[in-house]
């Protein structure tokens, strides 16, 4: 499993979100297995998101696709987004604070 992270500035989050949601079917067809988006606390137009893929090759093809480039342009992405590709190296066991 490969997790792609992307950080971008958008002109307007609600506009970006509408286009992002409309791009769902194309994302799935290009191999996206899961996703989440986050906004910077002090700047809601600073968006970080992740997408999961089966392989790095599929993730890289997604990032370099014309379809993604067109969607980002239509969504109001400003400047060049930052992309990075990761694999999980470890995950701590869950722990919960005692309620007593």
PDB file of N, CA and C in Angstrom:
ATOM      1  N   UNK A   1       0.847  -1.178   0.000  1.00  0.00           N
ATOM      2  CA  UNK A   1       0.000   0.000   0.000  1.00  0.00           C
ATOM      3  C   UNK A   1       0.891   1.240   0.000  1.00  0.00           C
ATOM      4  N   UNK A   2       0.532   2.202  -0.816  1.00  0.00           N
ATOM      5  CA  UNK A   2       1.246   3.471  -0.915  1.00  0.00           C
ATOM      6  C   UNK A   2       0.272   4.587  -0.588  1.00  0.00           C
ATOM      7  N   UNK A   3       0.696   5.491   0.259  1.00  0.00           N
ATOM      8  CA  UNK A   3      -0.123   6.654   0.583  1.00  0.00           C
ATOM      9  C   UNK A   3       0.524   7.886  -0.033  1.00  0.00           C
ATOM     10  N   UNK A   4      -0.242   8.558  -0.870  1.00  0.00           N
ATOM     11  CA  UNK A   4       0.163   9.819  -1.491  1.00  0.00           C
ATOM     12  C   UNK A   4      -0.363  10.946  -0.618  1.00  0.00           C
ATOM     13  N   UNK A   5       0.507  11.861  -0.247  1.00  0.00           N
ATOM     14  CA  UNK A   5       0.089  13.091   0.417  1.00  0.00           C
ATOM     15  C   UNK A   5       0.230  14.231  -0.574  1.00  0.00           C
ATOM     16  N   UNK A   6      -0.683  15.177  -0.497  1.00  0.00           N
ATOM     17  CA  UNK A   6      -0.621  16.366  -1.346  1.00  0.00           C
ATOM     18  C   UNK A   6      -1.006  17.573  -0.507  1.00  0.00           C
ATOM     19  N   UNK A   7      -0.278  18.658  -0.703  1.00  0.00           N
ATOM     20  CA  UNK A   7      -0.616  19.918  -0.040  1.00  0.00           C
ATOM     21  C   UNK A   7      -0.735  20.983  -1.112  1.00  0.00           C
ATOM     22  N   UNK A   8      -1.801  21.771  -1.007  1.00  0.00           N
ATOM     23  CA  UNK A   8      -2.059  22.786  -2.021  1.00  0.00           C
ATOM     24  C   UNK A   8      -2.826  23.952  -1.425  1.00  0.00           C
ATOM     25  N   UNK A   9      -2.696  25.082  -2.081  1.00  0.00           N
ATOM     26  CA  UNK A   9      -3.513  26.245  -1.757  1.00  0.00           C
ATOM     27  C   UNK A   9      -4.613  26.329  -2.801  1.00  0.00           C
ATOM     28  N   UNK A  10      -5.805  26.609  -2.331  1.00  0.00           N
ATOM     29  CA  UNK A  10      -6.944  26.725  -3.236  1.00  0.00           C
ATOM     30  C   UNK A  10      -7.560  28.105  -3.092  1.00  0.00           C
ATOM     31  N   UNK A  11      -8.185  28.583  -4.155  1.00  0.00           N
ATOM     32  CA  UNK A  11      -8.798  29.911  -4.119  1.00  0.00           C
ATOM     33  C   UNK A  11      -9.966  29.953  -3.148  1.00  0.00           C
ATOM     34  N   UNK A  12     -10.740  28.867  -3.095  1.00  0.00           N
ATOM     35  CA  UNK A  12     -11.914  28.802  -2.227  1.00  0.00           C
ATOM     36  C   UNK A  12     -12.177  27.337  -1.895  1.00  0.00           C
ATOM     37  N   UNK A  13     -12.154  26.983  -0.618  1.00  0.00           N
ATOM     38  CA  UNK A  13     -12.289  25.585  -0.226  1.00  0.00           C
ATOM     39  C   UNK A  13     -13.581  24.959  -0.719  1.00  0.00           C
ATOM     40  N   UNK A  14     -14.699  25.653  -0.594  1.00  0.00           N
ATOM     41  CA  UNK A  14     -15.990  25.071  -0.989  1.00  0.00           C
ATOM     42  C   UNK A  14     -16.015  24.753  -2.487  1.00  0.00           C
ATOM     43  N   UNK A  15     -15.446  25.640  -3.301  1.00  0.00           N
ATOM     44  CA  UNK A  15     -15.354  25.374  -4.740  1.00  0.00           C
ATOM     45  C   UNK A  15     -14.464  24.168  -4.989  1.00  0.00           C
ATOM     46  N   UNK A  16     -13.301  24.129  -4.317  1.00  0.00           N
ATOM     47  CA  UNK A  16     -12.389  22.993  -4.463  1.00  0.00           C
ATOM     48  C   UNK A  16     -13.104  21.702  -4.090  1.00  0.00           C
ATOM     49  N   UNK A  17     -13.811  21.701  -2.973  1.00  0.00           N
ATOM     50  CA  UNK A  17     -14.479  20.493  -2.475  1.00  0.00           C
ATOM     51  C   UNK A  17     -15.534  19.995  -3.455  1.00  0.00           C
ATOM     52  N   UNK A  18     -16.280  20.917  -4.051  1.00  0.00           N
ATOM     53  CA  UNK A  18     -17.300  20.524  -5.030  1.00  0.00           C
ATOM     54  C   UNK A  18     -16.662  19.792  -6.206  1.00  0.00           C
ATOM     55  N   UNK A  19     -15.586  20.353  -6.755  1.00  0.00           N
ATOM     56  CA  UNK A  19     -14.907  19.716  -7.891  1.00  0.00           C
ATOM     57  C   UNK A  19     -14.275  18.408  -7.451  1.00  0.00           C
ATOM     58  N   UNK A  20     -13.670  18.379  -6.273  1.00  0.00           N
ATOM     59  CA  UNK A  20     -13.057  17.158  -5.752  1.00  0.00           C
ATOM     60  C   UNK A  20     -14.100  16.045  -5.649  1.00  0.00           C
ATOM     61  N   UNK A  21     -15.261  16.351  -5.117  1.00  0.00           N
ATOM     62  CA  UNK A  21     -16.316  15.354  -4.983  1.00  0.00           C
ATOM     63  C   UNK A  21     -16.808  14.876  -6.349  1.00  0.00           C
ATOM     64  N   UNK A  22     -16.901  15.780  -7.327  1.00  0.00           N
ATOM     65  CA  UNK A  22     -17.335  15.401  -8.670  1.00  0.00           C
ATOM     66  C   UNK A  22     -16.299  14.510  -9.362  1.00  0.00           C
ATOM     67  N   UNK A  23     -15.058  14.557  -8.915  1.00  0.00           N
ATOM     68  CA  UNK A  23     -13.950  13.791  -9.497  1.00  0.00           C
ATOM     69  C   UNK A  23     -13.848  12.394  -8.881  1.00  0.00           C
ATOM     70  N   UNK A  24     -14.765  12.041  -8.014  1.00  0.00           N
ATOM     71  CA  UNK A  24     -14.704  10.777  -7.283  1.00  0.00           C
ATOM     72  C   UNK A  24     -14.595   9.560  -8.212  1.00  0.00           C
ATOM     73  N   UNK A  25     -15.477   9.442  -9.167  1.00  0.00           N
ATOM     74  CA  UNK A  25     -15.474   8.292 -10.056  1.00  0.00           C
ATOM     75  C   UNK A  25     -14.172   8.152 -10.824  1.00  0.00           C
ATOM     76  N   UNK A  26     -13.641   9.258 -11.285  1.00  0.00           N
ATOM     77  CA  UNK A  26     -12.359   9.224 -12.005  1.00  0.00           C
ATOM     78  C   UNK A  26     -11.218   8.833 -11.069  1.00  0.00           C
ATOM     79  N   UNK A  27     -11.248   9.325  -9.817  1.00  0.00           N
ATOM     80  CA  UNK A  27     -10.204   8.943  -8.856  1.00  0.00           C
ATOM     81  C   UNK A  27     -10.216   7.439  -8.625  1.00  0.00           C
ATOM     82  N   UNK A  28     -11.388   6.880  -8.430  1.00  0.00           N
ATOM     83  CA  UNK A  28     -11.504   5.444  -8.192  1.00  0.00           C
ATOM     84  C   UNK A  28     -11.017   4.666  -9.421  1.00  0.00           C
ATOM     85  N   UNK A  29     -11.409   5.111 -10.601  1.00  0.00           N
ATOM     86  CA  UNK A  29     -10.987   4.434 -11.829  1.00  0.00           C
ATOM     87  C   UNK A  29      -9.468   4.496 -12.011  1.00  0.00           C
ATOM     88  N   UNK A  30      -8.826   5.515 -11.439  1.00  0.00           N
ATOM     89  CA  UNK A  30      -7.369   5.651 -11.549  1.00  0.00           C
ATOM     90  C   UNK A  30      -6.642   4.995 -10.384  1.00  0.00           C
ATOM     91  N   UNK A  31      -7.365   4.248  -9.547  1.00  0.00           N
ATOM     92  CA  UNK A  31      -6.715   3.440  -8.534  1.00  0.00           C
ATOM     93  C   UNK A  31      -6.743   3.955  -7.116  1.00  0.00           C
ATOM     94  N   UNK A  32      -7.456   5.038  -6.849  1.00  0.00           N
ATOM     95  CA  UNK A  32      -7.533   5.549  -5.479  1.00  0.00           C
ATOM     96  C   UNK A  32      -8.393   4.593  -4.650  1.00  0.00           C
ATOM     97  N   UNK A  33      -7.816   4.108  -3.541  1.00  0.00           N
ATOM     98  CA  UNK A  33      -8.501   3.151  -2.678  1.00  0.00           C
ATOM     99  C   UNK A  33      -9.111   3.793  -1.436  1.00  0.00           C
ATOM    100  N   UNK A  34      -8.624   4.960  -1.049  1.00  0.00           N
ATOM    101  CA  UNK A  34      -9.125   5.664   0.124  1.00  0.00           C
ATOM    102  C   UNK A  34      -8.575   7.077   0.109  1.00  0.00           C
ATOM    103  N   UNK A  35      -9.235   7.979   0.829  1.00  0.00           N
ATOM    104  CA  UNK A  35      -8.809   9.377   0.803  1.00  0.00           C
ATOM    105  C   UNK A  35      -9.347  10.125   2.015  1.00  0.00           C
ATOM    106  N   UNK A  36      -8.680  11.209   2.344  1.00  0.00           N
ATOM    107  CA  UNK A  36      -9.161  12.151   3.359  1.00  0.00           C
ATOM    108  C   UNK A  36      -8.538  13.502   3.068  1.00  0.00           C
ATOM    109  N   UNK A  37      -9.222  14.561   3.471  1.00  0.00           N
ATOM    110  CA  UNK A  37      -8.724  15.920   3.263  1.00  0.00           C
ATOM    111  C   UNK A  37      -8.745  16.675   4.582  1.00  0.00           C
ATOM    112  N   UNK A  38      -7.804  17.591   4.727  1.00  0.00           N
ATOM    113  CA  UNK A  38      -7.643  18.386   5.942  1.00  0.00           C
ATOM    114  C   UNK A  38      -7.403  19.839   5.558  1.00  0.00           C
ATOM    115  N   UNK A  39      -7.867  20.753   6.406  1.00  0.00           N
ATOM    116  CA  UNK A  39      -7.635  22.176   6.214  1.00  0.00           C
ATOM    117  C   UNK A  39      -6.758  22.695   7.338  1.00  0.00           C
ATOM    118  N   UNK A  40      -5.865  23.606   7.018  1.00  0.00           N
ATOM    119  CA  UNK A  40      -5.041  24.245   8.026  1.00  0.00           C
ATOM    120  C   UNK A  40      -5.952  25.036   8.959  1.00  0.00           C
ATOM    121  N   UNK A  41      -5.700  24.959  10.242  1.00  0.00           N
ATOM    122  CA  UNK A  41      -6.554  25.608  11.237  1.00  0.00           C
ATOM    123  C   UNK A  41      -6.691  27.107  10.966  1.00  0.00           C
ATOM    124  N   UNK A  42      -5.603  27.762  10.641  1.00  0.00           N
ATOM    125  CA  UNK A  42      -5.631  29.214  10.459  1.00  0.00           C
ATOM    126  C   UNK A  42      -5.825  29.657   9.020  1.00  0.00           C
ATOM    127  N   UNK A  43      -5.944  28.713   8.088  1.00  0.00           N
ATOM    128  CA  UNK A  43      -6.141  29.054   6.674  1.00  0.00           C
ATOM    129  C   UNK A  43      -6.897  27.914   5.997  1.00  0.00           C
ATOM    130  N   UNK A  44      -8.224  27.999   5.921  1.00  0.00           N
ATOM    131  CA  UNK A  44      -9.015  26.904   5.370  1.00  0.00           C
ATOM    132  C   UNK A  44      -8.763  26.639   3.887  1.00  0.00           C
ATOM    133  N   UNK A  45      -8.061  27.526   3.212  1.00  0.00           N
ATOM    134  CA  UNK A  45      -7.731  27.316   1.801  1.00  0.00           C
ATOM    135  C   UNK A  45      -6.368  26.644   1.616  1.00  0.00           C
ATOM    136  N   UNK A  46      -5.722  26.278   2.711  1.00  0.00           N
ATOM    137  CA  UNK A  46      -4.488  25.488   2.685  1.00  0.00           C
ATOM    138  C   UNK A  46      -4.910  24.052   2.980  1.00  0.00           C
ATOM    139  N   UNK A  47      -4.910  23.217   1.946  1.00  0.00           N
ATOM    140  CA  UNK A  47      -5.488  21.876   2.012  1.00  0.00           C
ATOM    141  C   UNK A  47      -4.390  20.818   1.921  1.00  0.00           C
ATOM    142  N   UNK A  48      -4.439  19.850   2.811  1.00  0.00           N
ATOM    143  CA  UNK A  48      -3.591  18.667   2.721  1.00  0.00           C
ATOM    144  C   UNK A  48      -4.518  17.464   2.596  1.00  0.00           C
ATOM    145  N   UNK A  49      -4.194  16.572   1.689  1.00  0.00           N
ATOM    146  CA  UNK A  49      -5.015  15.378   1.542  1.00  0.00           C
ATOM    147  C   UNK A  49      -4.135  14.164   1.335  1.00  0.00           C
ATOM    148  N   UNK A  50      -4.724  12.994   1.546  1.00  0.00           N
ATOM    149  CA  UNK A  50      -4.022  11.753   1.235  1.00  0.00           C
ATOM    150  C   UNK A  50      -4.927  10.869   0.403  1.00  0.00           C
ATOM    151  N   UNK A  51      -4.271  10.071  -0.431  1.00  0.00           N
ATOM    152  CA  UNK A  51      -4.942   9.043  -1.221  1.00  0.00           C
ATOM    153  C   UNK A  51      -4.126   7.762  -1.087  1.00  0.00           C
ATOM    154  N   UNK A  52      -4.797   6.636  -0.941  1.00  0.00           N
ATOM    155  CA  UNK A  52      -4.124   5.340  -0.902  1.00  0.00           C
ATOM    156  C   UNK A  52      -4.208   4.662  -2.261  1.00  0.00           C
ATOM    157  N   UNK A  53      -3.112   3.963  -2.611  1.00  0.00           N
ATOM    158  CA  UNK A  53      -2.998   3.225  -3.868  1.00  0.00           C
ATOM    159  C   UNK A  53      -2.372   1.873  -3.581  1.00  0.00           C
ATOM    160  N   UNK A  54      -2.580   0.950  -4.483  1.00  0.00           N
ATOM    161  CA  UNK A  54      -1.973  -0.377  -4.359  1.00  0.00           C
ATOM    162  C   UNK A  54      -0.457  -0.312  -4.541  1.00  0.00           C
ATOM    163  N   UNK A  55       0.021   0.497  -5.516  1.00  0.00           N
ATOM    164  CA  UNK A  55       1.457   0.576  -5.805  1.00  0.00           C
ATOM    165  C   UNK A  55       1.887   2.017  -6.038  1.00  0.00           C
ATOM    166  N   UNK A  56       3.187   2.245  -5.946  1.00  0.00           N
ATOM    167  CA  UNK A  56       3.745   3.574  -6.223  1.00  0.00           C
ATOM    168  C   UNK A  56       3.552   3.940  -7.686  1.00  0.00           C
ATOM    169  N   UNK A  57       3.622   2.965  -8.569  1.00  0.00           N
ATOM    170  CA  UNK A  57       3.452   3.247  -9.994  1.00  0.00           C
ATOM    171  C   UNK A  57       2.053   3.789 -10.284  1.00  0.00           C
ATOM    172  N   UNK A  58       1.060   3.201  -9.656  1.00  0.00           N
ATOM    173  CA  UNK A  58      -0.318   3.672  -9.851  1.00  0.00           C
ATOM    174  C   UNK A  58      -0.465   5.084  -9.269  1.00  0.00           C
ATOM    175  N   UNK A  59       0.122   5.329  -8.114  1.00  0.00           N
ATOM    176  CA  UNK A  59       0.059   6.657  -7.487  1.00  0.00           C
ATOM    177  C   UNK A  59       0.742   7.700  -8.366  1.00  0.00           C
ATOM    178  N   UNK A  60       1.901   7.364  -8.897  1.00  0.00           N
ATOM    179  CA  UNK A  60       2.625   8.313  -9.764  1.00  0.00           C
ATOM    180  C   UNK A  60       1.862   8.584 -11.059  1.00  0.00           C
ATOM    181  N   UNK A  61       1.228   7.566 -11.605  1.00  0.00           N
ATOM    182  CA  UNK A  61       0.424   7.761 -12.814  1.00  0.00           C
ATOM    183  C   UNK A  61      -0.747   8.698 -12.525  1.00  0.00           C
ATOM    184  N   UNK A  62      -1.349   8.560 -11.358  1.00  0.00           N
ATOM    185  CA  UNK A  62      -2.448   9.440 -10.956  1.00  0.00           C
ATOM    186  C   UNK A  62      -1.976  10.890 -10.910  1.00  0.00           C
ATOM    187  N   UNK A  63      -0.849  11.125 -10.237  1.00  0.00           N
ATOM    188  CA  UNK A  63      -0.334  12.489 -10.075  1.00  0.00           C
ATOM    189  C   UNK A  63       0.034  13.117 -11.420  1.00  0.00           C
ATOM    190  N   UNK A  64       0.509  12.321 -12.356  1.00  0.00           N
ATOM    191  CA  UNK A  64       0.946  12.872 -13.638  1.00  0.00           C
ATOM    192  C   UNK A  64      -0.159  12.891 -14.691  1.00  0.00           C
ATOM    193  N   UNK A  65      -1.372  12.507 -14.326  1.00  0.00           N
ATOM    194  CA  UNK A  65      -2.454  12.413 -15.310  1.00  0.00           C
ATOM    195  C   UNK A  65      -2.998  13.785 -15.709  1.00  0.00           C
ATOM    196  N   UNK A  66      -3.405  13.875 -16.962  1.00  0.00           N
ATOM    197  CA  UNK A  66      -4.059  15.085 -17.453  1.00  0.00           C
ATOM    198  C   UNK A  66      -5.390  15.304 -16.742  1.00  0.00           C
ATOM    199  N   UNK A  67      -6.084  14.210 -16.417  1.00  0.00           N
ATOM    200  CA  UNK A  67      -7.383  14.328 -15.743  1.00  0.00           C
ATOM    201  C   UNK A  67      -7.235  15.019 -14.392  1.00  0.00           C
ATOM    202  N   UNK A  68      -6.200  14.639 -13.627  1.00  0.00           N
ATOM    203  CA  UNK A  68      -5.986  15.289 -12.339  1.00  0.00           C
ATOM    204  C   UNK A  68      -5.596  16.752 -12.533  1.00  0.00           C
ATOM    205  N   UNK A  69      -4.719  17.003 -13.464  1.00  0.00           N
ATOM    206  CA  UNK A  69      -4.283  18.381 -13.728  1.00  0.00           C
ATOM    207  C   UNK A  69      -5.488  19.253 -14.086  1.00  0.00           C
ATOM    208  N   UNK A  70      -6.378  18.738 -14.961  1.00  0.00           N
ATOM    209  CA  UNK A  70      -7.563  19.503 -15.351  1.00  0.00           C
ATOM    210  C   UNK A  70      -8.497  19.727 -14.169  1.00  0.00           C
ATOM    211  N   UNK A  71      -8.677  18.694 -13.342  1.00  0.00           N
ATOM    212  CA  UNK A  71      -9.552  18.827 -12.172  1.00  0.00           C
ATOM    213  C   UNK A  71      -8.996  19.865 -11.205  1.00  0.00           C
ATOM    214  N   UNK A  72      -7.685  19.835 -10.968  1.00  0.00           N
ATOM    215  CA  UNK A  72      -7.083  20.813 -10.051  1.00  0.00           C
ATOM    216  C   UNK A  72      -7.245  22.229 -10.582  1.00  0.00           C
ATOM    217  N   UNK A  73      -7.070  22.400 -11.879  1.00  0.00           N
ATOM    218  CA  UNK A  73      -7.243  23.724 -12.464  1.00  0.00           C
ATOM    219  C   UNK A  73      -8.686  24.198 -12.288  1.00  0.00           C
ATOM    220  N   UNK A  74      -9.642  23.319 -12.571  1.00  0.00           N
ATOM    221  CA  UNK A  74     -11.053  23.666 -12.422  1.00  0.00           C
ATOM    222  C   UNK A  74     -11.467  23.900 -10.982  1.00  0.00           C
ATOM    223  N   UNK A  75     -10.728  23.294 -10.042  1.00  0.00           N
ATOM    224  CA  UNK A  75     -11.046  23.425  -8.623  1.00  0.00           C
ATOM    225  C   UNK A  75     -10.427  24.669  -7.998  1.00  0.00           C
ATOM    226  N   UNK A  76      -9.606  25.380  -8.747  1.00  0.00           N
ATOM    227  CA  UNK A  76      -9.007  26.599  -8.218  1.00  0.00           C
ATOM    228  C   UNK A  76      -7.731  26.386  -7.430  1.00  0.00           C
ATOM    229  N   UNK A  77      -7.003  25.285  -7.716  1.00  0.00           N
ATOM    230  CA  UNK A  77      -5.704  25.078  -7.066  1.00  0.00           C
ATOM    231  C   UNK A  77      -4.756  26.158  -7.566  1.00  0.00           C
ATOM    232  N   UNK A  78      -4.090  26.809  -6.633  1.00  0.00           N
ATOM    233  CA  UNK A  78      -3.182  27.904  -6.962  1.00  0.00           C
ATOM    234  C   UNK A  78      -1.733  27.442  -6.830  1.00  0.00           C
ATOM    235  N   UNK A  79      -0.934  27.712  -7.836  1.00  0.00           N
ATOM    236  CA  UNK A  79       0.470  27.313  -7.790  1.00  0.00           C
ATOM    237  C   UNK A  79       0.609  25.809  -7.961  1.00  0.00           C
ATOM    238  N   UNK A  80       1.804  25.327  -7.661  1.00  0.00           N
ATOM    239  CA  UNK A  80       2.094  23.894  -7.785  1.00  0.00           C
ATOM    240  C   UNK A  80       1.875  23.196  -6.446  1.00  0.00           C
ATOM    241  N   UNK A  81       1.041  22.174  -6.427  1.00  0.00           N
ATOM    242  CA  UNK A  81       0.890  21.416  -5.180  1.00  0.00           C
ATOM    243  C   UNK A  81       2.163  20.634  -4.876  1.00  0.00           C
ATOM    244  N   UNK A  82       2.355  20.323  -3.612  1.00  0.00           N
ATOM    245  CA  UNK A  82       3.455  19.457  -3.190  1.00  0.00           C
ATOM    246  C   UNK A  82       2.901  18.037  -3.096  1.00  0.00           C
ATOM    247  N   UNK A  83       3.616  17.077  -3.662  1.00  0.00           N
ATOM    248  CA  UNK A  83       3.231  15.675  -3.589  1.00  0.00           C
ATOM    249  C   UNK A  83       4.359  14.887  -2.969  1.00  0.00           C
ATOM    250  N   UNK A  84       4.026  13.906  -2.122  1.00  0.00           N
ATOM    251  CA  UNK A  84       5.021  12.949  -1.654  1.00  0.00           C
ATOM    252  C   UNK A  84       4.351  11.604  -1.445  1.00  0.00           C
ATOM    253  N   UNK A  85       5.140  10.553  -1.644  1.00  0.00           N
ATOM    254  CA  UNK A  85       4.654   9.179  -1.629  1.00  0.00           C
ATOM    255  C   UNK A  85       5.275   8.456  -0.437  1.00  0.00           C
ATOM    256  N   UNK A  86       4.455   7.722   0.307  1.00  0.00           N
ATOM    257  CA  UNK A  86       4.937   7.054   1.513  1.00  0.00           C
ATOM    258  C   UNK A  86       4.435   5.618   1.577  1.00  0.00           C
ATOM    259  N   UNK A  87       5.130   4.831   2.378  1.00  0.00           N
ATOM    260  CA  UNK A  87       4.635   3.519   2.781  1.00  0.00           C
ATOM    261  C   UNK A  87       4.710   3.484   4.302  1.00  0.00           C
ATOM    262  N   UNK A  88       3.802   2.786   4.907  1.00  0.00           N
ATOM    263  CA  UNK A  88       3.777   2.717   6.367  1.00  0.00           C
ATOM    264  C   UNK A  88       4.941   1.873   6.863  1.00  0.00           C
ATOM    265  N   UNK A  89       5.715   2.425   7.790  1.00  0.00           N
ATOM    266  CA  UNK A  89       6.863   1.695   8.323  1.00  0.00           C
ATOM    267  C   UNK A  89       6.556   1.049   9.672  1.00  0.00           C
ATOM    268  N   UNK A  90       5.635   1.608  10.428  1.00  0.00           N
ATOM    269  CA  UNK A  90       5.202   1.002  11.685  1.00  0.00           C
ATOM    270  C   UNK A  90       3.967   1.730  12.175  1.00  0.00           C
ATOM    271  N   UNK A  91       3.266   1.077  13.073  1.00  0.00           N
ATOM    272  CA  UNK A  91       2.068   1.657  13.683  1.00  0.00           C
ATOM    273  C   UNK A  91       2.051   1.211  15.137  1.00  0.00           C
ATOM    274  N   UNK A  92       2.011   2.156  16.053  1.00  0.00           N
ATOM    275  CA  UNK A  92       2.004   1.760  17.463  1.00  0.00           C
ATOM    276  C   UNK A  92       0.689   1.079  17.821  1.00  0.00           C
ATOM    277  N   UNK A  93       0.760   0.233  18.830  1.00  0.00           N
ATOM    278  CA  UNK A  93      -0.454  -0.388  19.350  1.00  0.00           C
ATOM    279  C   UNK A  93      -1.332   0.702  19.951  1.00  0.00           C
ATOM    280  N   UNK A  94      -2.627   0.597  19.762  1.00  0.00           N
ATOM    281  CA  UNK A  94      -3.500   1.629  20.346  1.00  0.00           C
ATOM    282  C   UNK A  94      -3.431   1.615  21.864  1.00  0.00           C
ATOM    283  N   UNK A  95      -3.458   2.780  22.435  1.00  0.00           N
ATOM    284  CA  UNK A  95      -3.508   2.892  23.887  1.00  0.00           C
ATOM    285  C   UNK A  95      -4.500   3.983  24.250  1.00  0.00           C
ATOM    286  N   UNK A  96      -5.180   3.765  25.318  1.00  0.00           N
ATOM    287  CA  UNK A  96      -6.187   4.717  25.755  1.00  0.00           C
ATOM    288  C   UNK A  96      -5.933   5.076  27.209  1.00  0.00           C
ATOM    289  N   UNK A  97      -6.122   6.337  27.519  1.00  0.00           N
ATOM    290  CA  UNK A  97      -5.928   6.778  28.901  1.00  0.00           C
ATOM    291  C   UNK A  97      -6.977   6.118  29.795  1.00  0.00           C
ATOM    292  N   UNK A  98      -6.563   5.777  30.975  1.00  0.00           N
ATOM    293  CA  UNK A  98      -7.478   5.186  31.933  1.00  0.00           C
ATOM    294  C   UNK A  98      -8.528   6.207  32.336  1.00  0.00           C
ATOM    295  N   UNK A  99      -9.739   5.767  32.463  1.00  0.00           N
ATOM    296  CA  UNK A  99     -10.817   6.682  32.838  1.00  0.00           C
ATOM    297  C   UNK A  99     -10.948   6.811  34.345  1.00  0.00           C
ATOM    298  N   UNK A 100     -10.087   6.132  35.116  1.00  0.00           N
ATOM    299  CA  UNK A 100     -10.199   6.195  36.565  1.00  0.00           C
ATOM    300  C   UNK A 100      -9.373   7.307  37.148  1.00  0.00           C
TER     301      UNK A 100
END
